[in-house]
PDB file of N, CA and C in Angstrom:
ATOM      1  N   MET A   1       0.858  -1.171   0.000  1.00  0.00           N
ATOM      2  CA  MET A   1       0.000   0.000   0.000  1.00  0.00           C
ATOM      3  C   MET A   1       0.897   1.225   0.000  1.00  0.00           C
ATOM      4  N   GLY A   2       0.880   1.945  -1.081  1.00  0.00           N
ATOM      5  CA  GLY A   2       1.788   3.051  -1.276  1.00  0.00           C
ATOM      6  C   GLY A   2       1.570   4.248  -0.376  1.00  0.00           C
ATOM      7  N   SER A   3       0.370   4.466   0.125  1.00  0.00           N
ATOM      8  CA  SER A   3       0.065   5.633   0.948  1.00  0.00           C
ATOM      9  C   SER A   3      -0.089   5.266   2.419  1.00  0.00           C
ATOM     10  N   ARG A   4       0.421   4.134   2.813  1.00  0.00           N
ATOM     11  CA  ARG A   4       0.185   3.594   4.144  1.00  0.00           C
ATOM     12  C   ARG A   4       0.619   4.525   5.277  1.00  0.00           C
ATOM     13  N   GLU A   5       1.797   5.101   5.197  1.00  0.00           N
ATOM     14  CA  GLU A   5       2.304   5.933   6.292  1.00  0.00           C
ATOM     15  C   GLU A   5       1.407   7.156   6.518  1.00  0.00           C
ATOM     16  N   ARG A   6       1.016   7.824   5.449  1.00  0.00           N
ATOM     17  CA  ARG A   6       0.155   9.003   5.586  1.00  0.00           C
ATOM     18  C   ARG A   6      -1.235   8.605   6.078  1.00  0.00           C
ATOM     19  N   LEU A   7      -1.760   7.489   5.564  1.00  0.00           N
ATOM     20  CA  LEU A   7      -3.080   7.023   6.007  1.00  0.00           C
ATOM     21  C   LEU A   7      -3.039   6.571   7.465  1.00  0.00           C
ATOM     22  N   TRP A   8      -1.941   5.943   7.879  1.00  0.00           N
ATOM     23  CA  TRP A   8      -1.815   5.532   9.276  1.00  0.00           C
ATOM     24  C   TRP A   8      -1.794   6.763  10.189  1.00  0.00           C
ATOM     25  N   ALA A   9      -1.133   7.824   9.758  1.00  0.00           N
ATOM     26  CA  ALA A   9      -1.093   9.047  10.563  1.00  0.00           C
ATOM     27  C   ALA A   9      -2.498   9.614  10.758  1.00  0.00           C
ATOM     28  N   LYS A  10      -3.381   9.420   9.791  1.00  0.00           N
ATOM     29  CA  LYS A  10      -4.747   9.931   9.880  1.00  0.00           C
ATOM     30  C   LYS A  10      -5.687   8.950  10.575  1.00  0.00           C
ATOM     31  N   TYR A  11      -5.629   7.672  10.197  1.00  0.00           N
ATOM     32  CA  TYR A  11      -6.611   6.685  10.652  1.00  0.00           C
ATOM     33  C   TYR A  11      -6.079   5.665  11.662  1.00  0.00           C
ATOM     34  N   GLY A  12      -4.792   5.636  11.856  1.00  0.00           N
ATOM     35  CA  GLY A  12      -4.195   4.599  12.694  1.00  0.00           C
ATOM     36  C   GLY A  12      -4.716   4.544  14.105  1.00  0.00           C
ATOM     37  N   GLU A  13      -4.668   5.660  14.811  1.00  0.00           N
ATOM     38  CA  GLU A  13      -5.119   5.644  16.200  1.00  0.00           C
ATOM     39  C   GLU A  13      -6.613   5.371  16.314  1.00  0.00           C
ATOM     40  N   PRO A  14      -7.482   6.081  15.561  1.00  0.00           N
ATOM     41  CA  PRO A  14      -8.912   5.823  15.745  1.00  0.00           C
ATOM     42  C   PRO A  14      -9.403   4.512  15.135  1.00  0.00           C
ATOM     43  N   TRP A  15      -8.832   4.088  14.018  1.00  0.00           N
ATOM     44  CA  TRP A  15      -9.359   2.916  13.302  1.00  0.00           C
ATOM     45  C   TRP A  15      -8.415   1.720  13.296  1.00  0.00           C
ATOM     46  N   GLY A  16      -7.143   1.929  13.611  1.00  0.00           N
ATOM     47  CA  GLY A  16      -6.174   0.841  13.502  1.00  0.00           C
ATOM     48  C   GLY A  16      -5.936   0.422  12.060  1.00  0.00           C
ATOM     49  N   TRP A  17      -6.047   1.380  11.148  1.00  0.00           N
ATOM     50  CA  TRP A  17      -5.964   1.095   9.712  1.00  0.00           C
ATOM     51  C   TRP A  17      -5.109   2.136   9.021  1.00  0.00           C
ATOM     52  N   PRO A  18      -4.386   1.761   8.020  1.00  0.00           N
ATOM     53  CA  PRO A  18      -4.125   0.409   7.518  1.00  0.00           C
ATOM     54  C   PRO A  18      -2.964  -0.232   8.273  1.00  0.00           C
ATOM     55  N   PRO A  19      -3.104  -1.504   8.608  1.00  0.00           N
ATOM     56  CA  PRO A  19      -2.013  -2.167   9.323  1.00  0.00           C
ATOM     57  C   PRO A  19      -0.751  -2.231   8.465  1.00  0.00           C
ATOM     58  N   ALA A  20       0.381  -2.336   9.126  1.00  0.00           N
ATOM     59  CA  ALA A  20       1.663  -2.352   8.421  1.00  0.00           C
ATOM     60  C   ALA A  20       1.822  -3.577   7.535  1.00  0.00           C
ATOM     61  N   ASP A  21       1.154  -4.648   7.899  1.00  0.00           N
ATOM     62  CA  ASP A  21       1.355  -5.910   7.180  1.00  0.00           C
ATOM     63  C   ASP A  21       0.073  -6.395   6.494  1.00  0.00           C
ATOM     64  N   MET A  22      -0.717  -5.487   5.938  1.00  0.00           N
ATOM     65  CA  MET A  22      -1.972  -5.882   5.309  1.00  0.00           C
ATOM     66  C   MET A  22      -1.702  -6.718   4.058  1.00  0.00           C
ATOM     67  N   SER A  23      -2.117  -7.958   4.129  1.00  0.00           N
ATOM     68  CA  SER A  23      -1.954  -8.854   2.990  1.00  0.00           C
ATOM     69  C   SER A  23      -3.135  -8.694   2.034  1.00  0.00           C
ATOM     70  N   TYR A  24      -3.001  -9.267   0.872  1.00  0.00           N
ATOM     71  CA  TYR A  24      -4.088  -9.273  -0.104  1.00  0.00           C
ATOM     72  C   TYR A  24      -5.330  -9.919   0.502  1.00  0.00           C
ATOM     73  N   GLU A  25      -5.154 -11.033   1.197  1.00  0.00           N
ATOM     74  CA  GLU A  25      -6.288 -11.738   1.816  1.00  0.00           C
ATOM     75  C   GLU A  25      -6.928 -10.896   2.921  1.00  0.00           C
ATOM     76  N   ALA A  26      -6.127 -10.220   3.720  1.00  0.00           N
ATOM     77  CA  ALA A  26      -6.662  -9.365   4.775  1.00  0.00           C
ATOM     78  C   ALA A  26      -7.439  -8.197   4.174  1.00  0.00           C
ATOM     79  N   ASP A  27      -6.934  -7.661   3.079  1.00  0.00           N
ATOM     80  CA  ASP A  27      -7.630  -6.574   2.395  1.00  0.00           C
ATOM     81  C   ASP A  27      -8.970  -7.071   1.851  1.00  0.00           C
ATOM     82  N   LYS A  28      -8.996  -8.277   1.290  1.00  0.00           N
ATOM     83  CA  LYS A  28     -10.250  -8.853   0.798  1.00  0.00           C
ATOM     84  C   LYS A  28     -11.260  -9.024   1.933  1.00  0.00           C
ATOM     85  N   ARG A  29     -10.801  -9.471   3.097  1.00  0.00           N
ATOM     86  CA  ARG A  29     -11.696  -9.616   4.249  1.00  0.00           C
ATOM     87  C   ARG A  29     -12.236  -8.258   4.686  1.00  0.00           C
ATOM     88  N   ASP A  30     -11.370  -7.260   4.689  1.00  0.00           N
ATOM     89  CA  ASP A  30     -11.772  -5.912   5.063  1.00  0.00           C
ATOM     90  C   ASP A  30     -12.830  -5.385   4.090  1.00  0.00           C
ATOM     91  N   LEU A  31     -12.619  -5.617   2.809  1.00  0.00           N
ATOM     92  CA  LEU A  31     -13.586  -5.176   1.802  1.00  0.00           C
ATOM     93  C   LEU A  31     -14.906  -5.934   1.927  1.00  0.00           C
ATOM     94  N   ALA A  32     -14.849  -7.216   2.256  1.00  0.00           N
ATOM     95  CA  ALA A  32     -16.075  -8.005   2.457  1.00  0.00           C
ATOM     96  C   ALA A  32     -16.857  -7.470   3.658  1.00  0.00           C
ATOM     97  N   ARG A  33     -16.168  -7.075   4.711  1.00  0.00           N
ATOM     98  CA  ARG A  33     -16.824  -6.486   5.882  1.00  0.00           C
ATOM     99  C   ARG A  33     -17.517  -5.194   5.491  1.00  0.00           C
ATOM    100  N   HIS A  34     -16.822  -4.357   4.728  1.00  0.00           N
ATOM    101  CA  HIS A  34     -17.437  -3.110   4.248  1.00  0.00           C
ATOM    102  C   HIS A  34     -18.668  -3.414   3.400  1.00  0.00           C
ATOM    103  N   GLU A  35     -18.563  -4.405   2.542  1.00  0.00           N
ATOM    104  CA  GLU A  35     -19.694  -4.764   1.683  1.00  0.00           C
ATOM    105  C   GLU A  35     -20.910  -5.158   2.517  1.00  0.00           C
ATOM    106  N   ALA A  36     -20.698  -5.928   3.581  1.00  0.00           N
ATOM    107  CA  ALA A  36     -21.803  -6.341   4.459  1.00  0.00           C
ATOM    108  C   ALA A  36     -22.401  -5.134   5.184  1.00  0.00           C
ATOM    109  N   GLU A  37     -21.565  -4.214   5.649  1.00  0.00           N
ATOM    110  CA  GLU A  37     -22.056  -3.010   6.318  1.00  0.00           C
ATOM    111  C   GLU A  37     -22.885  -2.146   5.365  1.00  0.00           C
ATOM    112  N   ILE A  38     -22.416  -2.035   4.123  1.00  0.00           N
ATOM    113  CA  ILE A  38     -23.127  -1.249   3.119  1.00  0.00           C
ATOM    114  C   ILE A  38     -24.466  -1.901   2.797  1.00  0.00           C
ATOM    115  N   ALA A  39     -24.464  -3.213   2.615  1.00  0.00           N
ATOM    116  CA  ALA A  39     -25.704  -3.937   2.315  1.00  0.00           C
ATOM    117  C   ALA A  39     -26.727  -3.774   3.438  1.00  0.00           C
ATOM    118  N   ALA A  40     -26.253  -3.672   4.663  1.00  0.00           N
ATOM    119  CA  ALA A  40     -27.136  -3.504   5.817  1.00  0.00           C
ATOM    120  C   ALA A  40     -27.534  -2.034   6.022  1.00  0.00           C
ATOM    121  N   GLY A  41     -26.992  -1.130   5.207  1.00  0.00           N
ATOM    122  CA  GLY A  41     -27.296   0.294   5.340  1.00  0.00           C
ATOM    123  C   GLY A  41     -26.678   0.935   6.572  1.00  0.00           C
ATOM    124  N   GLU A  42     -25.614   0.327   7.085  1.00  0.00           N
ATOM    125  CA  GLU A  42     -24.959   0.834   8.291  1.00  0.00           C
ATOM    126  C   GLU A  42     -23.926   1.902   7.992  1.00  0.00           C
ATOM    127  N   THR A  43     -23.277   1.785   6.872  1.00  0.00           N
ATOM    128  CA  THR A  43     -22.202   2.688   6.490  1.00  0.00           C
ATOM    129  C   THR A  43     -22.115   2.699   4.964  1.00  0.00           C
ATOM    130  N   PHE A  44     -21.450   3.703   4.430  1.00  0.00           N
ATOM    131  CA  PHE A  44     -21.304   3.793   2.980  1.00  0.00           C
ATOM    132  C   PHE A  44     -19.867   4.191   2.672  1.00  0.00           C
ATOM    133  N   ASN A  45     -19.264   3.500   1.721  1.00  0.00           N
ATOM    134  CA  ASN A  45     -17.883   3.760   1.313  1.00  0.00           C
ATOM    135  C   ASN A  45     -17.864   3.901  -0.197  1.00  0.00           C
ATOM    136  N   TYR A  46     -17.180   4.909  -0.665  1.00  0.00           N
ATOM    137  CA  TYR A  46     -17.087   5.161  -2.094  1.00  0.00           C
ATOM    138  C   TYR A  46     -15.629   5.167  -2.511  1.00  0.00           C
ATOM    139  N   ALA A  47     -15.325   4.389  -3.515  1.00  0.00           N
ATOM    140  CA  ALA A  47     -13.978   4.377  -4.071  1.00  0.00           C
ATOM    141  C   ALA A  47     -13.860   5.520  -5.074  1.00  0.00           C
ATOM    142  N   VAL A  48     -12.740   6.212  -5.036  1.00  0.00           N
ATOM    143  CA  VAL A  48     -12.425   7.233  -6.021  1.00  0.00           C
ATOM    144  C   VAL A  48     -11.487   6.552  -7.006  1.00  0.00           C
ATOM    145  N   LEU A  49     -11.984   6.342  -8.216  1.00  0.00           N
ATOM    146  CA  LEU A  49     -11.243   5.580  -9.219  1.00  0.00           C
ATOM    147  C   LEU A  49     -10.728   6.471 -10.337  1.00  0.00           C
ATOM    148  N   GLY A  50      -9.660   6.015 -10.978  1.00  0.00           N
ATOM    149  CA  GLY A  50      -9.142   6.692 -12.144  1.00  0.00           C
ATOM    150  C   GLY A  50     -10.112   6.545 -13.307  1.00  0.00           C
ATOM    151  N   GLU A  51      -9.838   7.243 -14.372  1.00  0.00           N
ATOM    152  CA  GLU A  51     -10.727   7.278 -15.540  1.00  0.00           C
ATOM    153  C   GLU A  51     -11.079   5.886 -16.070  1.00  0.00           C
ATOM    154  N   GLY A  52     -10.125   4.982 -16.100  1.00  0.00           N
ATOM    155  CA  GLY A  52     -10.376   3.629 -16.601  1.00  0.00           C
ATOM    156  C   GLY A  52     -10.981   2.699 -15.562  1.00  0.00           C
ATOM    157  N   GLU A  53     -11.217   3.216 -14.367  1.00  0.00           N
ATOM    158  CA  GLU A  53     -11.772   2.459 -13.242  1.00  0.00           C
ATOM    159  C   GLU A  53     -10.945   1.230 -12.879  1.00  0.00           C
ATOM    160  N   THR A  54      -9.620   1.343 -13.083  1.00  0.00           N
ATOM    161  CA  THR A  54      -8.719   0.249 -12.721  1.00  0.00           C
ATOM    162  C   THR A  54      -7.736   0.653 -11.634  1.00  0.00           C
ATOM    163  N   GLU A  55      -7.733   1.934 -11.278  1.00  0.00           N
ATOM    164  CA  GLU A  55      -6.778   2.436 -10.294  1.00  0.00           C
ATOM    165  C   GLU A  55      -7.530   3.146  -9.169  1.00  0.00           C
ATOM    166  N   LEU A  56      -7.294   2.709  -7.928  1.00  0.00           N
ATOM    167  CA  LEU A  56      -7.884   3.348  -6.761  1.00  0.00           C
ATOM    168  C   LEU A  56      -7.084   4.605  -6.434  1.00  0.00           C
ATOM    169  N   LEU A  57      -7.764   5.746  -6.425  1.00  0.00           N
ATOM    170  CA  LEU A  57      -7.117   7.028  -6.148  1.00  0.00           C
ATOM    171  C   LEU A  57      -7.471   7.576  -4.774  1.00  0.00           C
ATOM    172  N   GLY A  58      -8.476   6.993  -4.130  1.00  0.00           N
ATOM    173  CA  GLY A  58      -8.883   7.454  -2.816  1.00  0.00           C
ATOM    174  C   GLY A  58     -10.191   6.812  -2.409  1.00  0.00           C
ATOM    175  N   CYS A  59     -10.721   7.245  -1.269  1.00  0.00           N
ATOM    176  CA  CYS A  59     -11.992   6.728  -0.750  1.00  0.00           C
ATOM    177  C   CYS A  59     -12.714   7.817   0.017  1.00  0.00           C
ATOM    178  N   VAL A  60     -14.049   7.671   0.076  1.00  0.00           N
ATOM    179  CA  VAL A  60     -14.909   8.518   0.904  1.00  0.00           C
ATOM    180  C   VAL A  60     -15.679   7.581   1.816  1.00  0.00           C
ATOM    181  N   TYR A  61     -15.685   7.881   3.116  1.00  0.00           N
ATOM    182  CA  TYR A  61     -16.383   7.066   4.113  1.00  0.00           C
ATOM    183  C   TYR A  61     -17.504   7.887   4.738  1.00  0.00           C
ATOM    184  N   ILE A  62     -18.706   7.321   4.785  1.00  0.00           N
ATOM    185  CA  ILE A  62     -19.842   7.948   5.453  1.00  0.00           C
ATOM    186  C   ILE A  62     -20.337   6.946   6.489  1.00  0.00           C
ATOM    187  N   ASP A  63     -20.182   7.308   7.748  1.00  0.00           N
ATOM    188  CA  ASP A  63     -20.528   6.417   8.849  1.00  0.00           C
ATOM    189  C   ASP A  63     -21.568   7.069   9.756  1.00  0.00           C
ATOM    190  N   PRO A  64     -22.279   6.250  10.526  1.00  0.00           N
ATOM    191  CA  PRO A  64     -23.223   6.820  11.489  1.00  0.00           C
ATOM    192  C   PRO A  64     -22.466   7.499  12.632  1.00  0.00           C
ATOM    193  N   PRO A  65     -23.123   8.403  13.339  1.00  0.00           N
ATOM    194  CA  PRO A  65     -22.480   9.035  14.497  1.00  0.00           C
ATOM    195  C   PRO A  65     -22.085   7.980  15.523  1.00  0.00           C
ATOM    196  N   ASP A  66     -21.041   8.292  16.275  1.00  0.00           N
ATOM    197  CA  ASP A  66     -20.603   7.395  17.337  1.00  0.00           C
ATOM    198  C   ASP A  66     -20.504   8.173  18.641  1.00  0.00           C
ATOM    199  N   ALA A  67     -20.007   7.529  19.665  1.00  0.00           N
ATOM    200  CA  ALA A  67     -19.927   8.148  20.987  1.00  0.00           C
ATOM    201  C   ALA A  67     -19.055   9.400  20.995  1.00  0.00           C
ATOM    202  N   GLU A  68     -18.137   9.511  20.058  1.00  0.00           N
ATOM    203  CA  GLU A  68     -17.225  10.662  19.987  1.00  0.00           C
ATOM    204  C   GLU A  68     -17.822  11.829  19.203  1.00  0.00           C
ATOM    205  N   SER A  69     -18.961  11.604  18.542  1.00  0.00           N
ATOM    206  CA  SER A  69     -19.570  12.631  17.688  1.00  0.00           C
ATOM    207  C   SER A  69     -20.271  13.703  18.524  1.00  0.00           C
ATOM    208  N   PRO A  70     -20.191  14.942  18.071  1.00  0.00           N
ATOM    209  CA  PRO A  70     -20.943  15.993  18.762  1.00  0.00           C
ATOM    210  C   PRO A  70     -22.447  15.702  18.711  1.00  0.00           C
ATOM    211  N   ALA A  71     -23.175  16.186  19.690  1.00  0.00           N
ATOM    212  CA  ALA A  71     -24.632  15.999  19.721  1.00  0.00           C
ATOM    213  C   ALA A  71     -25.252  16.542  18.435  1.00  0.00           C
ATOM    214  N   GLY A  72     -26.226  15.824  17.911  1.00  0.00           N
ATOM    215  CA  GLY A  72     -26.928  16.257  16.706  1.00  0.00           C
ATOM    216  C   GLY A  72     -26.250  15.897  15.404  1.00  0.00           C
ATOM    217  N   THR A  73     -25.149  15.182  15.465  1.00  0.00           N
ATOM    218  CA  THR A  73     -24.431  14.791  14.249  1.00  0.00           C
ATOM    219  C   THR A  73     -25.246  13.792  13.441  1.00  0.00           C
ATOM    220  N   ASP A  74     -25.369  14.048  12.145  1.00  0.00           N
ATOM    221  CA  ASP A  74     -26.072  13.144  11.232  1.00  0.00           C
ATOM    222  C   ASP A  74     -25.169  12.030  10.724  1.00  0.00           C
ATOM    223  N   ALA A  75     -23.899  12.340  10.515  1.00  0.00           N
ATOM    224  CA  ALA A  75     -22.958  11.367   9.960  1.00  0.00           C
ATOM    225  C   ALA A  75     -21.535  11.777  10.298  1.00  0.00           C
ATOM    226  N   VAL A  76     -20.656  10.777  10.299  1.00  0.00           N
ATOM    227  CA  VAL A  76     -19.221  10.995  10.454  1.00  0.00           C
ATOM    228  C   VAL A  76     -18.605  10.689   9.088  1.00  0.00           C
ATOM    229  N   VAL A  77     -17.860  11.629   8.559  1.00  0.00           N
ATOM    230  CA  VAL A  77     -17.368  11.508   7.191  1.00  0.00           C
ATOM    231  C   VAL A  77     -15.872  11.782   7.129  1.00  0.00           C
ATOM    232  N   SER A  78     -15.213  11.017   6.287  1.00  0.00           N
ATOM    233  CA  SER A  78     -13.787  11.194   6.063  1.00  0.00           C
ATOM    234  C   SER A  78     -13.470  10.791   4.631  1.00  0.00           C
ATOM    235  N   TRP A  79     -12.406  11.338   4.075  1.00  0.00           N
ATOM    236  CA  TRP A  79     -11.948  10.908   2.751  1.00  0.00           C
ATOM    237  C   TRP A  79     -10.452  11.109   2.655  1.00  0.00           C
ATOM    238  N   TRP A  80      -9.889  10.408   1.673  1.00  0.00           N
ATOM    239  CA  TRP A  80      -8.454  10.492   1.440  1.00  0.00           C
ATOM    240  C   TRP A  80      -8.170  10.237  -0.035  1.00  0.00           C
ATOM    241  N   VAL A  81      -6.985  10.660  -0.448  1.00  0.00           N
ATOM    242  CA  VAL A  81      -6.462  10.356  -1.778  1.00  0.00           C
ATOM    243  C   VAL A  81      -5.086   9.733  -1.612  1.00  0.00           C
ATOM    244  N   ILE A  82      -4.639   9.028  -2.627  1.00  0.00           N
ATOM    245  CA  ILE A  82      -3.310   8.427  -2.594  1.00  0.00           C
ATOM    246  C   ILE A  82      -2.246   9.519  -2.543  1.00  0.00           C
ATOM    247  N   ASP A  83      -1.049   9.157  -2.111  1.00  0.00           N
ATOM    248  CA  ASP A  83       0.031  10.134  -1.956  1.00  0.00           C
ATOM    249  C   ASP A  83       0.246  10.962  -3.228  1.00  0.00           C
ATOM    250  N   GLU A  84       0.205  10.318  -4.377  1.00  0.00           N
ATOM    251  CA  GLU A  84       0.457  11.014  -5.639  1.00  0.00           C
ATOM    252  C   GLU A  84      -0.586  12.077  -5.946  1.00  0.00           C
ATOM    253  N   ALA A  85      -1.764  11.993  -5.312  1.00  0.00           N
ATOM    254  CA  ALA A  85      -2.838  12.952  -5.579  1.00  0.00           C
ATOM    255  C   ALA A  85      -2.943  14.048  -4.518  1.00  0.00           C
ATOM    256  N   VAL A  86      -2.121  13.980  -3.479  1.00  0.00           N
ATOM    257  CA  VAL A  86      -2.146  15.015  -2.437  1.00  0.00           C
ATOM    258  C   VAL A  86      -1.750  16.352  -3.056  1.00  0.00           C
ATOM    259  N   GLY A  87      -2.576  17.367  -2.805  1.00  0.00           N
ATOM    260  CA  GLY A  87      -2.298  18.698  -3.321  1.00  0.00           C
ATOM    261  C   GLY A  87      -2.673  18.917  -4.772  1.00  0.00           C
ATOM    262  N   THR A  88      -3.285  17.918  -5.392  1.00  0.00           N
ATOM    263  CA  THR A  88      -3.660  18.030  -6.800  1.00  0.00           C
ATOM    264  C   THR A  88      -5.104  18.495  -6.947  1.00  0.00           C
ATOM    265  N   GLU A  89      -5.494  18.685  -8.190  1.00  0.00           N
ATOM    266  CA  GLU A  89      -6.872  19.071  -8.496  1.00  0.00           C
ATOM    267  C   GLU A  89      -7.867  18.029  -7.985  1.00  0.00           C
ATOM    268  N   LEU A  90      -7.508  16.757  -8.027  1.00  0.00           N
ATOM    269  CA  LEU A  90      -8.399  15.718  -7.517  1.00  0.00           C
ATOM    270  C   LEU A  90      -8.699  15.951  -6.038  1.00  0.00           C
ATOM    271  N   GLU A  91      -7.680  16.172  -5.239  1.00  0.00           N
ATOM    272  CA  GLU A  91      -7.896  16.392  -3.812  1.00  0.00           C
ATOM    273  C   GLU A  91      -8.706  17.669  -3.574  1.00  0.00           C
ATOM    274  N   ARG A  92      -8.382  18.729  -4.287  1.00  0.00           N
ATOM    275  CA  ARG A  92      -9.127  19.980  -4.129  1.00  0.00           C
ATOM    276  C   ARG A  92     -10.590  19.796  -4.542  1.00  0.00           C
ATOM    277  N   THR A  93     -10.818  19.015  -5.584  1.00  0.00           N
ATOM    278  CA  THR A  93     -12.190  18.756  -6.032  1.00  0.00           C
ATOM    279  C   THR A  93     -12.966  17.989  -4.973  1.00  0.00           C
ATOM    280  N   LEU A  94     -12.369  16.949  -4.406  1.00  0.00           N
ATOM    281  CA  LEU A  94     -13.045  16.202  -3.335  1.00  0.00           C
ATOM    282  C   LEU A  94     -13.322  17.095  -2.135  1.00  0.00           C
ATOM    283  N   ASP A  95     -12.333  17.899  -1.749  1.00  0.00           N
ATOM    284  CA  ASP A  95     -12.488  18.789  -0.607  1.00  0.00           C
ATOM    285  C   ASP A  95     -13.650  19.764  -0.814  1.00  0.00           C
ATOM    286  N   GLY A  96     -13.866  20.179  -2.045  1.00  0.00           N
ATOM    287  CA  GLY A  96     -14.968  21.087  -2.340  1.00  0.00           C
ATOM    288  C   GLY A  96     -16.286  20.373  -2.568  1.00  0.00           C
ATOM    289  N   PHE A  97     -16.222  19.198  -3.170  1.00  0.00           N
ATOM    290  CA  PHE A  97     -17.436  18.475  -3.551  1.00  0.00           C
ATOM    291  C   PHE A  97     -18.132  17.777  -2.385  1.00  0.00           C
ATOM    292  N   VAL A  98     -17.379  17.038  -1.588  1.00  0.00           N
ATOM    293  CA  VAL A  98     -17.984  16.155  -0.579  1.00  0.00           C
ATOM    294  C   VAL A  98     -18.903  16.902   0.383  1.00  0.00           C
ATOM    295  N   PRO A  99     -18.493  18.006   1.007  1.00  0.00           N
ATOM    296  CA  PRO A  99     -19.414  18.671   1.941  1.00  0.00           C
ATOM    297  C   PRO A  99     -20.745  19.095   1.292  1.00  0.00           C
ATOM    298  N   GLY A 100     -20.703  19.654   0.104  1.00  0.00           N
ATOM    299  CA  GLY A 100     -21.930  20.051  -0.583  1.00  0.00           C
ATOM    300  C   GLY A 100     -22.785  18.861  -0.964  1.00  0.00           C
ATOM    301  N   TRP A 101     -22.166  17.778  -1.396  1.00  0.00           N
ATOM    302  CA  TRP A 101     -22.861  16.546  -1.765  1.00  0.00           C
ATOM    303  C   TRP A 101     -23.590  15.970  -0.565  1.00  0.00           C
ATOM    304  N   LEU A 102     -22.956  16.014   0.594  1.00  0.00           N
ATOM    305  CA  LEU A 102     -23.581  15.485   1.803  1.00  0.00           C
ATOM    306  C   LEU A 102     -24.823  16.280   2.189  1.00  0.00           C
ATOM    307  N   THR A 103     -24.810  17.571   1.917  1.00  0.00           N
ATOM    308  CA  THR A 103     -25.969  18.411   2.205  1.00  0.00           C
ATOM    309  C   THR A 103     -27.041  18.263   1.135  1.00  0.00           C
ATOM    310  N   SER A 104     -26.651  18.424  -0.128  1.00  0.00           N
ATOM    311  CA  SER A 104     -27.647  18.455  -1.199  1.00  0.00           C
ATOM    312  C   SER A 104     -28.215  17.084  -1.554  1.00  0.00           C
ATOM    313  N   THR A 105     -27.391  16.056  -1.562  1.00  0.00           N
ATOM    314  CA  THR A 105     -27.858  14.729  -1.968  1.00  0.00           C
ATOM    315  C   THR A 105     -28.280  13.885  -0.780  1.00  0.00           C
ATOM    316  N   TRP A 106     -27.508  13.918   0.275  1.00  0.00           N
ATOM    317  CA  TRP A 106     -27.800  13.104   1.445  1.00  0.00           C
ATOM    318  C   TRP A 106     -28.745  13.802   2.421  1.00  0.00           C
ATOM    319  N   GLY A 107     -28.826  15.111   2.375  1.00  0.00           N
ATOM    320  CA  GLY A 107     -29.703  15.857   3.265  1.00  0.00           C
ATOM    321  C   GLY A 107     -29.198  16.002   4.681  1.00  0.00           C
ATOM    322  N   PHE A 108     -27.890  15.832   4.882  1.00  0.00           N
ATOM    323  CA  PHE A 108     -27.328  15.959   6.220  1.00  0.00           C
ATOM    324  C   PHE A 108     -27.225  17.429   6.615  1.00  0.00           C
ATOM    325  N   GLY A 109     -27.644  17.737   7.822  1.00  0.00           N
ATOM    326  CA  GLY A 109     -27.529  19.091   8.334  1.00  0.00           C
ATOM    327  C   GLY A 109     -26.302  19.302   9.180  1.00  0.00           C
ATOM    328  N   SER A 110     -25.818  18.215   9.795  1.00  0.00           N
ATOM    329  CA  SER A 110     -24.667  18.317  10.683  1.00  0.00           C
ATOM    330  C   SER A 110     -23.743  17.118  10.460  1.00  0.00           C
ATOM    331  N   VAL A 111     -22.594  17.383   9.888  1.00  0.00           N
ATOM    332  CA  VAL A 111     -21.627  16.328   9.591  1.00  0.00           C
ATOM    333  C   VAL A 111     -20.388  16.552  10.437  1.00  0.00           C
ATOM    334  N   HIS A 112     -19.914  15.472  11.045  1.00  0.00           N
ATOM    335  CA  HIS A 112     -18.671  15.518  11.814  1.00  0.00           C
ATOM    336  C   HIS A 112     -17.571  14.945  10.907  1.00  0.00           C
ATOM    337  N   TYR A 113     -16.592  15.756  10.565  1.00  0.00           N
ATOM    338  CA  TYR A 113     -15.502  15.320   9.705  1.00  0.00           C
ATOM    339  C   TYR A 113     -14.392  14.775  10.589  1.00  0.00           C
ATOM    340  N   SER A 114     -14.266  13.448  10.600  1.00  0.00           N
ATOM    341  CA  SER A 114     -13.318  12.800  11.491  1.00  0.00           C
ATOM    342  C   SER A 114     -12.956  11.431  10.950  1.00  0.00           C
ATOM    343  N   PRO A 115     -11.808  10.926  11.113  1.00  0.00           N
ATOM    344  CA  PRO A 115     -10.669  11.660  11.632  1.00  0.00           C
ATOM    345  C   PRO A 115     -10.113  12.594  10.582  1.00  0.00           C
TER     346      PRO A 115
END
C-alpha cells in the first residue's frame, strides 16, 4: 500500500488502519466487511477511481455518528487520496465536492468530519 504511512497518521489511532502488514487476503476480508455493512445500510464507502476504473485514487467514508460525535451529528465523514494525488486538483475537487454533496444529496444538516 503506497500511501500507508500518511493514512496511518490519519486513521491509525482511531481505526487501527491500515495495518503495516496488510496482505491481499486481509484486504479482501476488510472489503467483504465493508460490503456487508453497506448492504445492511450501516455505512457507505465510495472508491475514487481513475478514468479507466482500474486504479484506486482514494476513498470517501460515510458512517453513522458514534460516541465521539458531537450531539446532533447526522454522519461521520472522512476521505483520502493516494500520496500522488495530495495537493492536486483531484484532492481539491473532493475537498470542495464532498461537503456540498452530503448536504444536497444526502440531506445531512450536521456532519462531523473525522478523523
